[in-house]
Amino acid sequence: MNTQELMDIALQAAGLDKMPVDSDIMVPGENIKKVLMGVDMDTAEIMLGKQLGYDCVISHHPRNTNKDMLDLLHTHIFNLEKLGVPRNKGQKLLAARKKELSFNQHVSNSRRSESAAKLLNMPYMCIHTPADIISQGMVQAFLDERFAGKPDTTVQEIVDALDEMPEYKNAHRKPVIRAGGKESYAGKIYVLMAGLTGPGAAILKEYFEAGVGTLVLMHIPEKDAKEVEEQGIGNVIVAGHMSSDSFGMNKIAKLWAEKGVETTMMSGVIEDK
């Protein structure tokens, strides 16, 4: 297989018809049979892949910063619209978060890892949003099935259920409650793991005001968790960052295996065994 075929399988699994701006084939390659893949794969991991004889190195997190990457935050606008929040309102609320993130993006060393891969002639790509979409869907489906018709579900029951899933069960950092209490009623459970990164407390508040009772996230900054707690209208469970990313990565690797591509996981991926 080649890098484009690997990418196409990931996109199809996520229900995408084109490559998102946070995913990229930085160094294309052909005849790929052995892949080294992890959550964060930089120059050291590229060199390791070269030394160990891999045909391609794949990172989950973006290793170059596309100037349009922050537009992926608009996912939250459309999520909220489906929950009844006007599109214009979501856009206005999201503007401050995009501006905040733009400061870090502007100063980033956006081609560092890519330049190393080119010098080493190592095929190199990243698949961020496709894996996140898959993770989000898998966790949402699991919780929907587990708690269907159970209006008295508590936040702690969700945490306990998550810990039954292999990627969470095998993780060192377990799912935790960041807003709300163990005995808090969960209400509507909404898994939010795609959309580049956390949208900020103002947008999270809109999810709650639109009828969500408990948000299940990969991660949340302390300041946002504190603000949500002070709002007093919703619960937040942080399922875990590396572990949540791993769902999508493991699924994609299994699909590649069906095409004869062997994948070795490292750098944060928790295997589902």
Protein backbone atom coordinates (compact mmCIF):
# COMPACT_ATOMS: atom_id res chain seq x y z
CA MET A 1 0.00 0.00 0.00
CA ASN A 2 1.00 3.66 -0.28
CA THR A 3 0.44 6.58 2.08
CA GLN A 4 -2.61 7.85 0.18
CA GLU A 5 -4.27 4.46 0.43
CA LEU A 6 -3.58 4.35 4.17
CA MET A 7 -5.10 7.81 4.53
CA ASP A 8 -8.15 6.88 2.43
CA ILE A 9 -8.91 3.92 4.69
CA ALA A 10 -8.76 6.17 7.76
CA LEU A 11 -11.00 8.79 6.14
CA GLN A 12 -13.56 6.21 5.06
CA ALA A 13 -13.68 4.69 8.55
CA ALA A 14 -14.43 8.14 9.96
CA GLY A 15 -17.08 8.92 7.34
CA LEU A 16 -15.04 11.71 5.75
CA ASP A 17 -14.83 12.41 2.03
CA LYS A 18 -11.73 14.60 2.17
CA MET A 19 -8.66 15.04 4.32
CA PRO A 20 -9.19 17.48 7.22
CA VAL A 21 -6.71 20.31 7.66
CA ASP A 22 -5.21 18.70 10.79
CA SER A 23 -4.31 15.53 8.88
CA ASP A 24 -1.62 15.33 6.24
CA ILE A 25 0.76 13.21 4.21
CA MET A 26 3.96 15.16 4.79
CA VAL A 27 6.26 12.66 3.08
CA PRO A 28 4.52 10.25 0.65
CA GLY A 29 5.65 6.67 0.27
CA GLU A 30 4.98 3.45 -1.63
CA ASN A 31 5.08 -0.28 -0.87
CA ILE A 32 4.29 0.17 2.82
CA LYS A 33 4.11 -3.05 4.80
CA LYS A 34 5.31 -2.03 8.28
CA VAL A 35 4.09 1.10 10.09
CA LEU A 36 5.31 2.67 13.34
CA MET A 37 2.47 4.70 14.86
CA GLY A 38 1.95 6.74 18.03
CA VAL A 39 0.06 9.68 19.49
CA ASP A 40 3.05 12.02 19.14
CA MET A 41 5.73 11.08 16.60
CA ASP A 42 8.49 13.62 16.17
CA THR A 43 12.10 13.59 14.98
CA ALA A 44 13.26 11.00 17.54
CA GLU A 45 10.47 8.59 16.61
CA ILE A 46 11.11 9.10 12.89
CA MET A 47 14.76 8.23 13.41
CA LEU A 48 13.75 5.18 15.45
CA GLY A 49 11.43 4.05 12.69
CA LYS A 50 14.24 4.41 10.16
CA GLN A 51 16.69 2.52 12.35
CA LEU A 52 14.26 -0.35 12.98
CA GLY A 53 13.37 -0.75 9.33
CA TYR A 54 9.79 0.54 9.23
CA ASP A 55 8.31 1.73 5.94
CA CYS A 56 6.29 4.64 7.36
CA VAL A 57 5.91 6.66 10.58
CA ILE A 58 2.45 7.91 11.51
CA SER A 59 1.50 10.42 14.19
CA HIS A 60 -1.95 10.98 15.60
CA HIS A 61 -1.44 14.58 16.66
CA PRO A 62 -0.71 17.07 13.87
CA ARG A 63 3.00 17.61 13.35
CA ASN A 64 2.64 20.64 11.12
CA THR A 65 0.39 23.63 11.67
CA ASN A 66 -1.90 24.37 8.74
CA LYS A 67 -2.93 28.02 8.73
CA ASP A 68 -6.59 26.95 8.50
CA MET A 69 -6.41 24.34 11.27
CA LEU A 70 -8.37 26.40 13.80
CA ASP A 71 -11.38 26.27 11.48
CA LEU A 72 -11.91 22.71 12.74
CA LEU A 73 -13.25 24.30 15.91
CA HIS A 74 -16.34 25.10 13.84
CA THR A 75 -17.35 21.50 14.51
CA HIS A 76 -18.76 22.83 17.77
CA ILE A 77 -20.91 25.37 15.96
CA PHE A 78 -22.60 22.61 13.96
CA ASN A 79 -22.86 20.29 16.98
CA LEU A 80 -24.66 23.02 18.88
CA GLU A 81 -26.89 23.84 15.93
CA LYS A 82 -28.14 20.24 15.97
CA LEU A 83 -28.96 20.77 19.65
CA GLY A 84 -30.96 23.91 18.85
CA VAL A 85 -28.36 26.68 19.30
CA PRO A 86 -28.40 29.19 16.42
CA ARG A 87 -25.33 28.99 14.19
CA ASN A 88 -24.56 32.69 14.57
CA LYS A 89 -24.53 32.42 18.36
CA GLY A 90 -22.12 29.49 18.34
CA GLN A 91 -19.85 31.35 15.95
CA LYS A 92 -19.72 34.46 18.17
CA LEU A 93 -19.00 32.43 21.30
CA LEU A 94 -16.23 30.47 19.59
CA ALA A 95 -14.42 33.55 18.29
CA ALA A 96 -12.60 34.24 21.56
CA ARG A 97 -11.30 30.67 21.79
CA LYS A 98 -10.01 30.78 18.21
CA LYS A 99 -8.20 34.03 18.94
CA GLU A 100 -6.62 32.55 22.08
CA LEU A 101 -5.33 29.51 20.22
CA SER A 102 -4.06 31.58 17.30
CA PHE A 103 -1.31 33.08 19.48
CA ASN A 104 0.26 29.67 20.11
CA GLN A 105 -0.25 28.55 16.52
CA HIS A 106 1.46 31.63 15.10
CA VAL A 107 4.75 30.96 16.92
CA SER A 108 4.87 27.18 16.43
CA ASN A 109 7.71 25.42 14.58
CA SER A 110 5.32 23.94 12.07
CA ARG A 111 7.67 21.97 9.80
CA ARG A 112 10.25 20.63 12.25
CA SER A 113 9.34 16.94 12.13
CA GLU A 114 8.49 17.03 8.45
CA SER A 115 11.93 18.35 7.56
CA ALA A 116 13.55 15.50 9.51
CA ALA A 117 11.40 12.91 7.73
CA LYS A 118 12.38 14.35 4.35
CA LEU A 119 16.09 14.25 5.19
CA LEU A 120 15.72 10.62 6.28
CA ASN A 121 13.55 9.78 3.26
CA MET A 122 10.97 8.32 5.66
CA PRO A 123 7.29 8.33 4.63
CA TYR A 124 5.46 10.36 7.28
CA MET A 125 1.83 11.29 7.87
CA CYS A 126 -0.65 12.22 10.59
CA ILE A 127 -4.29 11.28 11.13
CA HIS A 128 -5.88 13.46 13.79
CA THR A 129 -9.55 14.17 13.11
CA PRO A 130 -10.31 10.77 11.49
CA ALA A 131 -9.12 8.94 14.61
CA ASP A 132 -10.91 11.38 16.94
CA ILE A 133 -14.19 10.94 15.10
CA ILE A 134 -13.89 7.17 15.38
CA SER A 135 -13.05 7.39 19.10
CA GLN A 136 -15.98 9.71 19.74
CA GLY A 137 -18.40 7.41 17.94
CA MET A 138 -17.19 4.26 19.68
CA VAL A 139 -17.45 5.73 23.17
CA GLN A 140 -20.84 7.35 22.46
CA ALA A 141 -22.26 4.08 21.12
CA PHE A 142 -21.02 2.17 24.16
CA LEU A 143 -22.57 4.63 26.63
CA ASP A 144 -25.82 4.93 24.67
CA GLU A 145 -26.28 1.17 24.80
CA ARG A 146 -25.26 0.82 28.43
CA PHE A 147 -27.54 3.54 29.79
CA ALA A 148 -30.51 3.42 27.40
CA GLY A 149 -33.74 3.83 29.35
CA LYS A 150 -31.94 4.53 32.63
CA PRO A 151 -32.85 8.11 33.66
CA ASP A 152 -31.39 7.67 37.15
CA THR A 153 -27.85 7.12 35.83
CA THR A 154 -25.22 8.91 37.90
CA VAL A 155 -21.93 10.41 36.85
CA GLN A 156 -20.00 7.77 38.80
CA GLU A 157 -21.83 5.01 36.94
CA ILE A 158 -20.56 6.47 33.68
CA VAL A 159 -16.99 6.56 35.02
CA ASP A 160 -17.29 2.93 36.12
CA ALA A 161 -18.67 1.90 32.72
CA LEU A 162 -15.87 3.65 30.84
CA ASP A 163 -13.32 1.75 32.87
CA GLU A 164 -14.67 -1.49 31.36
CA MET A 165 -13.51 -0.48 27.88
CA PRO A 166 -10.03 -1.91 27.15
CA GLU A 167 -8.31 1.38 26.30
CA TYR A 168 -9.51 2.93 29.58
CA LYS A 169 -9.11 -0.25 31.61
CA ASN A 170 -5.46 -0.55 30.55
CA ALA A 171 -4.63 3.14 31.04
CA HIS A 172 -2.57 4.49 33.92
CA ARG A 173 -4.70 7.65 34.01
CA LYS A 174 -8.29 6.61 34.62
CA PRO A 175 -11.50 8.52 33.78
CA VAL A 176 -12.16 11.24 36.36
CA ILE A 177 -14.96 13.65 37.25
CA ARG A 178 -13.92 17.27 36.69
CA ALA A 179 -17.29 18.98 37.24
CA GLY A 180 -20.21 17.61 39.21
CA GLY A 181 -20.24 14.89 41.85
CA LYS A 182 -20.35 11.12 41.96
CA GLU A 183 -24.04 11.07 42.79
CA SER A 184 -25.01 13.78 40.30
CA TYR A 185 -27.64 12.67 37.82
CA ALA A 186 -26.03 12.32 34.42
CA GLY A 187 -28.92 13.45 32.24
CA LYS A 188 -28.18 13.42 28.51
CA ILE A 189 -24.70 11.97 27.92
CA TYR A 190 -22.73 13.61 25.12
CA VAL A 191 -19.28 12.42 24.08
CA LEU A 192 -17.19 15.27 22.67
CA MET A 193 -13.78 14.22 21.37
CA ALA A 194 -13.50 15.64 17.84
CA GLY A 195 -13.12 19.26 16.75
CA LEU A 196 -9.35 19.82 17.08
CA THR A 197 -9.23 20.66 20.81
CA GLY A 198 -11.32 21.90 23.72
CA PRO A 199 -13.67 24.75 22.75
CA GLY A 200 -13.50 26.67 26.04
CA ALA A 201 -15.93 27.10 28.92
CA ALA A 202 -18.31 29.45 27.08
CA ILE A 203 -19.03 26.84 24.41
CA LEU A 204 -19.26 24.03 26.96
CA LYS A 205 -21.93 26.06 28.75
CA GLU A 206 -23.95 26.18 25.53
CA TYR A 207 -23.94 22.37 25.34
CA PHE A 208 -25.42 22.22 28.84
CA GLU A 209 -27.97 24.93 28.18
CA ALA A 210 -29.01 23.04 25.04
CA GLY A 211 -29.96 20.00 27.12
CA VAL A 212 -26.75 18.03 27.65
CA GLY A 213 -26.35 16.84 31.23
CA THR A 214 -22.90 15.25 31.13
CA LEU A 215 -20.05 15.88 28.71
CA VAL A 216 -17.45 13.15 28.26
CA LEU A 217 -14.22 14.78 27.08
CA MET A 218 -10.65 13.71 26.39
CA HIS A 219 -9.23 16.57 28.47
CA ILE A 220 -10.08 19.98 29.89
CA PRO A 221 -7.92 22.85 31.25
CA GLU A 222 -8.25 23.47 34.97
CA LYS A 223 -9.60 26.98 34.41
CA ASP A 224 -12.39 25.68 32.16
CA ALA A 225 -13.29 22.90 34.60
CA LYS A 226 -13.47 25.44 37.42
CA GLU A 227 -15.71 27.73 35.37
CA VAL A 228 -18.05 24.87 34.43
CA GLU A 229 -18.23 23.85 38.10
CA GLU A 230 -19.12 27.43 39.05
CA GLN A 231 -21.82 27.54 36.38
CA GLY A 232 -23.50 24.68 38.24
CA ILE A 233 -25.54 23.37 35.29
CA GLY A 234 -23.61 20.37 33.97
CA ASN A 235 -21.16 17.58 34.64
CA VAL A 236 -17.81 16.91 32.98
CA ILE A 237 -16.04 13.57 32.85
CA VAL A 238 -12.50 13.52 31.48
CA ALA A 239 -12.10 10.06 30.03
CA GLY A 240 -8.38 10.44 29.36
CA HIS A 241 -6.30 11.84 26.52
CA MET A 242 -3.97 9.08 25.33
CA SER A 243 -6.56 6.41 26.06
CA SER A 244 -9.33 8.18 24.14
CA ASP A 245 -7.04 8.81 21.18
CA SER A 246 -6.21 5.12 21.18
CA PHE A 247 -9.71 3.94 20.19
CA GLY A 248 -9.47 5.50 16.75
CA MET A 249 -5.83 4.55 16.26
CA ASN A 250 -6.49 0.90 17.11
CA LYS A 251 -9.51 0.75 14.81
CA ILE A 252 -7.59 2.21 11.87
CA ALA A 253 -4.65 -0.15 12.46
CA LYS A 254 -7.02 -3.13 12.31
CA LEU A 255 -8.38 -1.94 8.98
CA TRP A 256 -4.83 -1.59 7.64
CA ALA A 257 -4.04 -5.10 8.89
CA GLU A 258 -6.84 -6.43 6.68
CA LYS A 259 -4.84 -5.05 3.73
CA GLY A 260 -1.63 -6.68 4.90
CA VAL A 261 -0.05 -3.73 6.70
CA GLU A 262 1.53 -4.48 10.10
CA THR A 263 1.36 -1.67 12.67
CA THR A 264 3.51 -1.31 15.78
CA MET A 265 2.08 1.03 18.41
CA MET A 266 4.13 3.29 20.67
CA SER A 267 4.21 6.84 22.08
CA GLY A 268 1.01 6.84 24.10
CA VAL A 269 -1.23 4.40 22.23
CA ILE A 270 -2.96 1.98 24.59
CA GLU A 271 -3.75 -1.24 22.80
CA ASP A 272 -7.14 -2.86 23.17
CA LYS A 273 -5.96 -6.19 24.50
